Amino acid sequence: MSSYVREAVPRETPMVGEAEAAGTLVVKLGYRGEGFAGFAEQPCQRTVAGELRRALETTLRRPVELTCAGRTDAGVHAIAQHVSVPVSAAELGLAGRRLRRSIVALTPDDLSIVGLYRAGADFSARFDAEARRYRYRIAAGDTRPIMAWDHAWWYKGALDVAAMHDAAQCLVGEHDFKSFCKATSAVDKPTHRYVGHLSVSEIEEAGEALVCIDIEGNAFLHNMVRTIAGTLVEVGRGHRDATWVADALAACDRAAAGPCAPARGLTFVGVDYPAGALAAWR
């Protein structure tokens, strides 16, 4: 029976300058993805990591090393991204309220500091994550979405939500998801992942009807969630049946699955860490 597992990596105490870190600052943040070229820093591009780094380096008055729970692509949103930063003993004494106010003042309007936490010196937002959760939103029908315009895919047609949900269940469990990731990112890399939950449902947000694909897993491949969404839409629109999704999974070939859904519909909604790993920074 499969279960969530952390990535096995050697652990060394991070450094702050020339001294060992005394602890870790963990920033929980959200962002509207439209204005960013993704999370990871890139030359001459506006990124989430670049904006956060500038704010933290100004606040702490030194270079910082950032580690995130999961790198998001250009246009993808987040409400619960976690970023870890090794800190010194002196920095552990900073008042949380003042620290947060400083970071908020130095970050742009499309990036929100949701919370600050303390963790042990060897904590990693990436490697200590036990589960990650995403939601993909679709506004299906002829009516242009209003409130959900910038965080949902407007699919101009009807979708069979029940058929999409049933087809999705073959993806739950531990599988080789090579068919559902960007082909170039899978070369000579492991592509097995564990999906603990995958559902498709109809909801209402701000008075608008949306189709939501909710997925939880231990880790995700590049474009994996968006490709699953695009594949399930092929079923929902009646172009494919549920057995096609299972066949695509078994093929281990990107060409066997459906298209990659637009980035704007995807939101990183949560990450789980071991109980007691994080404490509010007060």
Protein backbone atom coordinates (compact mmCIF):
# COMPACT_ATOMS: atom_id res chain seq x y z
CA MET A 1 0.00 0.00 0.00
CA SER A 2 1.49 3.33 -1.06
CA SER A 3 2.01 6.25 1.30
CA TYR A 4 3.58 9.67 1.18
CA VAL A 5 7.36 9.60 1.31
CA ARG A 6 9.87 12.39 1.58
CA GLU A 7 12.64 12.65 -0.96
CA ALA A 8 15.76 10.97 0.39
CA VAL A 9 18.50 13.59 0.44
CA PRO A 10 21.52 14.07 2.66
CA ARG A 11 20.90 16.74 5.30
CA GLU A 12 23.50 19.26 6.34
CA THR A 13 22.91 22.25 8.57
CA PRO A 14 22.44 25.28 6.27
CA MET A 15 24.79 28.23 6.57
CA VAL A 16 24.10 31.90 7.21
CA GLY A 17 27.19 33.62 5.97
CA GLU A 18 30.10 31.72 7.54
CA ALA A 19 28.12 30.43 10.53
CA GLU A 20 25.70 27.53 10.81
CA ALA A 21 22.04 28.49 10.77
CA ALA A 22 20.32 28.62 14.17
CA GLY A 23 16.84 28.11 12.70
CA THR A 24 14.66 28.63 9.65
CA LEU A 25 12.24 31.38 8.67
CA VAL A 26 9.32 29.93 6.72
CA VAL A 27 7.24 32.35 4.67
CA LYS A 28 3.74 31.30 3.62
CA LEU A 29 2.75 33.39 0.62
CA GLY A 30 0.21 33.73 -2.13
CA TYR A 31 0.44 35.34 -5.54
CA ARG A 32 -1.53 36.08 -8.66
CA GLY A 33 0.47 34.36 -11.36
CA GLU A 34 -0.40 36.49 -14.38
CA GLY A 35 2.36 39.01 -13.78
CA PHE A 36 5.14 36.51 -13.06
CA ALA A 37 7.33 34.34 -15.28
CA GLY A 38 6.89 31.57 -12.70
CA PHE A 39 8.33 31.10 -9.22
CA ALA A 40 11.97 30.34 -10.04
CA GLU A 41 14.33 33.22 -10.74
CA GLN A 42 15.24 33.81 -14.38
CA PRO A 43 17.50 36.44 -15.98
CA CYS A 44 15.64 39.61 -17.00
CA GLN A 45 12.28 38.14 -15.95
CA ARG A 46 9.91 39.13 -13.14
CA THR A 47 9.51 36.11 -10.85
CA VAL A 48 8.02 35.34 -7.46
CA ALA A 49 11.38 34.27 -6.04
CA GLY A 50 13.05 37.41 -7.36
CA GLU A 51 10.50 39.72 -5.72
CA LEU A 52 10.59 37.81 -2.42
CA ARG A 53 14.38 37.66 -2.40
CA ARG A 54 14.69 41.42 -2.80
CA ALA A 55 12.29 42.01 0.09
CA LEU A 56 14.03 39.53 2.40
CA GLU A 57 17.53 40.71 1.56
CA THR A 58 16.52 44.31 2.25
CA THR A 59 14.87 43.33 5.53
CA LEU A 60 17.68 41.03 6.77
CA ARG A 61 20.43 43.16 5.18
CA ARG A 62 22.25 40.17 3.71
CA PRO A 63 22.02 37.64 0.85
CA VAL A 64 19.46 34.88 1.43
CA GLU A 65 18.97 31.33 0.15
CA LEU A 66 15.37 30.42 -0.78
CA THR A 67 13.82 26.95 -0.99
CA CYS A 68 10.17 26.60 -2.02
CA ALA A 69 7.60 23.83 -1.56
CA GLY A 70 6.99 23.57 -5.30
CA ARG A 71 8.04 25.72 -8.24
CA THR A 72 5.06 27.04 -10.19
CA ASP A 73 5.10 27.90 -13.88
CA ALA A 74 4.40 31.27 -15.48
CA GLY A 75 0.78 32.29 -14.94
CA VAL A 76 0.07 29.77 -12.16
CA HIS A 77 -1.34 31.16 -8.90
CA ALA A 78 -0.78 30.20 -5.25
CA ILE A 79 -2.52 30.80 -1.94
CA ALA A 80 -0.25 28.65 0.23
CA GLN A 81 3.25 28.50 -1.23
CA HIS A 82 5.91 27.94 1.48
CA VAL A 83 9.47 29.21 1.26
CA SER A 84 12.22 28.42 3.77
CA VAL A 85 15.17 30.69 4.58
CA PRO A 86 18.01 29.75 6.99
CA VAL A 87 18.47 32.42 9.70
CA SER A 88 20.98 33.26 12.44
CA ALA A 89 20.44 33.27 16.20
CA ALA A 90 20.20 37.08 16.19
CA GLU A 91 17.57 36.98 13.45
CA LEU A 92 15.52 34.49 15.47
CA GLY A 93 15.11 37.30 18.01
CA LEU A 94 13.36 39.62 15.55
CA ALA A 95 9.76 40.48 16.43
CA GLY A 96 7.36 38.72 14.08
CA ARG A 97 5.00 41.68 13.67
CA ARG A 98 7.77 44.06 12.63
CA LEU A 99 9.39 41.44 10.39
CA ARG A 100 6.12 40.81 8.58
CA ARG A 101 5.35 44.52 8.18
CA SER A 102 8.76 45.07 6.63
CA ILE A 103 8.40 42.23 4.13
CA VAL A 104 4.84 43.30 3.21
CA ALA A 105 5.99 46.87 2.60
CA LEU A 106 8.72 45.65 0.25
CA THR A 107 6.63 43.24 -1.84
CA PRO A 108 4.33 44.12 -4.78
CA ASP A 109 0.53 44.09 -4.73
CA ASP A 110 0.26 40.75 -6.57
CA LEU A 111 2.26 38.93 -3.88
CA SER A 112 0.77 38.41 -0.41
CA ILE A 113 2.59 37.44 2.81
CA VAL A 114 0.08 35.06 4.42
CA GLY A 115 2.13 34.12 7.48
CA LEU A 116 5.60 33.73 9.02
CA TYR A 117 6.76 30.61 10.87
CA ARG A 118 9.81 29.26 12.71
CA ALA A 119 11.31 25.83 12.07
CA GLY A 120 14.44 23.90 12.97
CA ALA A 121 17.77 24.67 11.34
CA ASP A 122 17.56 21.65 9.02
CA PHE A 123 13.98 22.31 7.83
CA SER A 124 13.37 22.48 4.07
CA ALA A 125 10.13 23.73 2.55
CA ARG A 126 10.74 21.32 -0.32
CA PHE A 127 12.12 18.16 1.22
CA ASP A 128 10.00 18.15 4.39
CA ALA A 129 6.71 18.49 2.49
CA GLU A 130 4.55 15.39 2.94
CA ALA A 131 1.75 16.36 0.53
CA ARG A 132 0.95 19.12 -1.92
CA ARG A 133 -2.50 20.17 -3.16
CA TYR A 134 -3.63 21.96 -6.30
CA ARG A 135 -7.01 23.11 -7.63
CA TYR A 136 -7.74 23.63 -11.32
CA ARG A 137 -10.79 25.80 -12.10
CA ILE A 138 -12.80 25.73 -15.31
CA ALA A 139 -15.66 28.08 -16.22
CA ALA A 140 -17.64 25.91 -18.65
CA GLY A 141 -20.32 27.40 -20.88
CA ASP A 142 -21.11 30.35 -23.10
CA THR A 143 -21.05 32.93 -20.29
CA ARG A 144 -17.73 34.71 -19.89
CA PRO A 145 -16.60 34.44 -16.24
CA ILE A 146 -16.43 37.69 -14.30
CA MET A 147 -14.90 37.19 -10.85
CA ALA A 148 -13.06 34.02 -11.93
CA TRP A 149 -11.74 35.51 -15.17
CA ASP A 150 -8.09 35.65 -14.11
CA HIS A 151 -7.95 32.31 -12.28
CA ALA A 152 -10.10 29.96 -14.36
CA TRP A 153 -9.99 28.47 -17.86
CA TRP A 154 -13.03 29.65 -19.82
CA TYR A 155 -14.03 26.56 -21.77
CA LYS A 156 -16.79 27.55 -24.18
CA GLY A 157 -18.82 24.36 -24.00
CA ALA A 158 -20.55 21.88 -21.69
CA LEU A 159 -18.61 19.34 -19.61
CA ASP A 160 -19.79 16.01 -18.19
CA VAL A 161 -18.39 16.40 -14.67
CA ALA A 162 -19.41 12.92 -13.52
CA ALA A 163 -17.61 11.32 -16.48
CA MET A 164 -14.49 13.38 -15.73
CA HIS A 165 -14.52 12.32 -12.08
CA ASP A 166 -14.95 8.64 -12.94
CA ALA A 167 -12.16 8.77 -15.54
CA ALA A 168 -9.82 10.46 -13.06
CA GLN A 169 -9.91 7.63 -10.54
CA CYS A 170 -7.48 5.46 -12.52
CA LEU A 171 -4.82 8.09 -11.77
CA VAL A 172 -5.14 7.72 -7.99
CA GLY A 173 -2.31 5.74 -6.40
CA GLU A 174 1.34 5.29 -7.31
CA HIS A 175 1.99 5.30 -11.06
CA ASP A 176 4.48 6.27 -13.71
CA PHE A 177 3.10 9.65 -14.87
CA LYS A 178 5.47 10.06 -17.80
CA SER A 179 2.47 10.57 -20.13
CA PHE A 180 1.34 13.53 -18.05
CA CYS A 181 4.47 15.68 -17.86
CA LYS A 182 6.47 17.85 -20.19
CA ALA A 183 8.44 15.40 -22.34
CA THR A 184 11.77 17.23 -22.12
CA SER A 185 11.58 17.34 -18.31
CA ALA A 186 11.25 13.53 -18.07
CA VAL A 187 14.47 12.62 -19.87
CA ASP A 188 16.64 10.43 -17.60
CA LYS A 189 14.56 11.41 -14.55
CA PRO A 190 12.21 9.36 -12.34
CA THR A 191 8.56 9.90 -13.27
CA HIS A 192 6.77 7.81 -10.64
CA ARG A 193 4.54 9.82 -8.31
CA TYR A 194 1.84 9.08 -5.74
CA VAL A 195 -1.59 10.73 -6.06
CA GLY A 196 -3.62 10.36 -2.88
CA HIS A 197 -6.76 12.17 -4.02
CA LEU A 198 -8.21 13.33 -7.33
CA SER A 199 -11.77 14.58 -7.74
CA VAL A 200 -13.82 16.62 -10.21
CA SER A 201 -16.81 18.54 -8.89
CA GLU A 202 -19.11 21.49 -9.55
CA ILE A 203 -18.91 24.39 -7.12
CA GLU A 204 -20.04 28.00 -6.86
CA GLU A 205 -17.62 30.82 -6.06
CA ALA A 206 -18.68 34.47 -5.90
CA GLY A 207 -21.93 33.59 -7.61
CA GLU A 208 -20.31 31.80 -10.55
CA ALA A 209 -20.55 28.09 -11.40
CA LEU A 210 -17.15 26.42 -11.82
CA VAL A 211 -15.83 22.93 -12.49
CA CYS A 212 -12.98 22.15 -10.10
CA ILE A 213 -10.31 19.49 -10.37
CA ASP A 214 -8.74 18.91 -6.94
CA ILE A 215 -5.57 16.85 -6.67
CA GLU A 216 -3.27 15.92 -3.79
CA GLY A 217 0.03 14.07 -4.05
CA ASN A 218 3.47 13.73 -2.58
CA ALA A 219 5.08 15.59 -5.50
CA PHE A 220 4.29 16.58 -9.08
CA LEU A 221 6.11 16.53 -12.40
CA HIS A 222 6.46 19.55 -14.68
CA ASN A 223 3.00 20.33 -16.18
CA MET A 224 1.53 17.20 -14.58
CA VAL A 225 -1.58 18.80 -13.06
CA ARG A 226 -2.34 20.89 -16.14
CA THR A 227 -1.95 17.87 -18.43
CA ILE A 228 -4.28 15.83 -16.21
CA ALA A 229 -6.79 18.70 -16.41
CA GLY A 230 -6.52 18.91 -20.20
CA THR A 231 -6.91 15.14 -20.49
CA LEU A 232 -10.02 15.06 -18.29
CA VAL A 233 -11.60 17.86 -20.31
CA GLU A 234 -11.30 15.66 -23.40
CA VAL A 235 -13.46 13.14 -21.53
CA GLY A 236 -15.86 15.82 -20.25
CA ARG A 237 -16.50 17.21 -23.72
CA GLY A 238 -17.32 13.70 -25.01
CA HIS A 239 -14.30 13.26 -27.28
CA ARG A 240 -12.82 10.41 -25.23
CA ASP A 241 -14.01 7.81 -22.73
CA ALA A 242 -12.66 6.77 -19.34
CA THR A 243 -10.67 3.84 -20.73
CA TRP A 244 -8.61 6.27 -22.83
CA VAL A 245 -7.23 7.93 -19.67
CA ALA A 246 -6.11 4.54 -18.30
CA ASP A 247 -4.55 3.68 -21.67
CA ALA A 248 -2.73 7.03 -21.76
CA LEU A 249 -1.32 6.40 -18.28
CA ALA A 250 -0.09 2.94 -19.27
CA ALA A 251 1.53 4.23 -22.46
CA CYS A 252 4.19 6.28 -20.62
CA ASP A 253 4.25 8.55 -23.66
CA ARG A 254 3.35 12.25 -23.57
CA ALA A 255 1.72 12.00 -26.99
CA ALA A 256 -0.83 9.52 -25.58
CA ALA A 257 -2.46 12.00 -23.18
CA GLY A 258 -4.48 15.17 -23.73
CA PRO A 259 -3.36 18.79 -24.08
CA CYS A 260 -1.82 20.87 -21.32
CA ALA A 261 -4.57 23.12 -19.91
CA PRO A 262 -3.91 26.90 -19.65
CA ALA A 263 -1.81 28.04 -16.70
CA ARG A 264 -4.33 30.64 -15.49
CA GLY A 265 -6.72 27.96 -14.18
CA LEU A 266 -4.20 26.38 -11.78
CA THR A 267 -3.71 27.36 -8.14
CA PHE A 268 -1.31 25.85 -5.60
CA VAL A 269 -3.64 25.61 -2.59
CA GLY A 270 -1.78 23.78 0.16
CA VAL A 271 1.18 21.83 1.48
CA ASP A 272 1.40 19.56 4.54
CA TYR A 273 4.38 19.26 6.88
CA PRO A 274 5.02 16.95 9.85
CA ALA A 275 3.07 17.89 12.98
CA GLY A 276 4.98 20.41 15.05
CA ALA A 277 7.47 21.29 12.31
CA LEU A 278 6.24 24.90 12.07
CA ALA A 279 5.49 27.38 14.84
CA ALA A 280 4.02 30.84 14.34
CA TRP A 281 6.69 33.56 14.39
CA ARG A 282 5.53 35.99 17.07
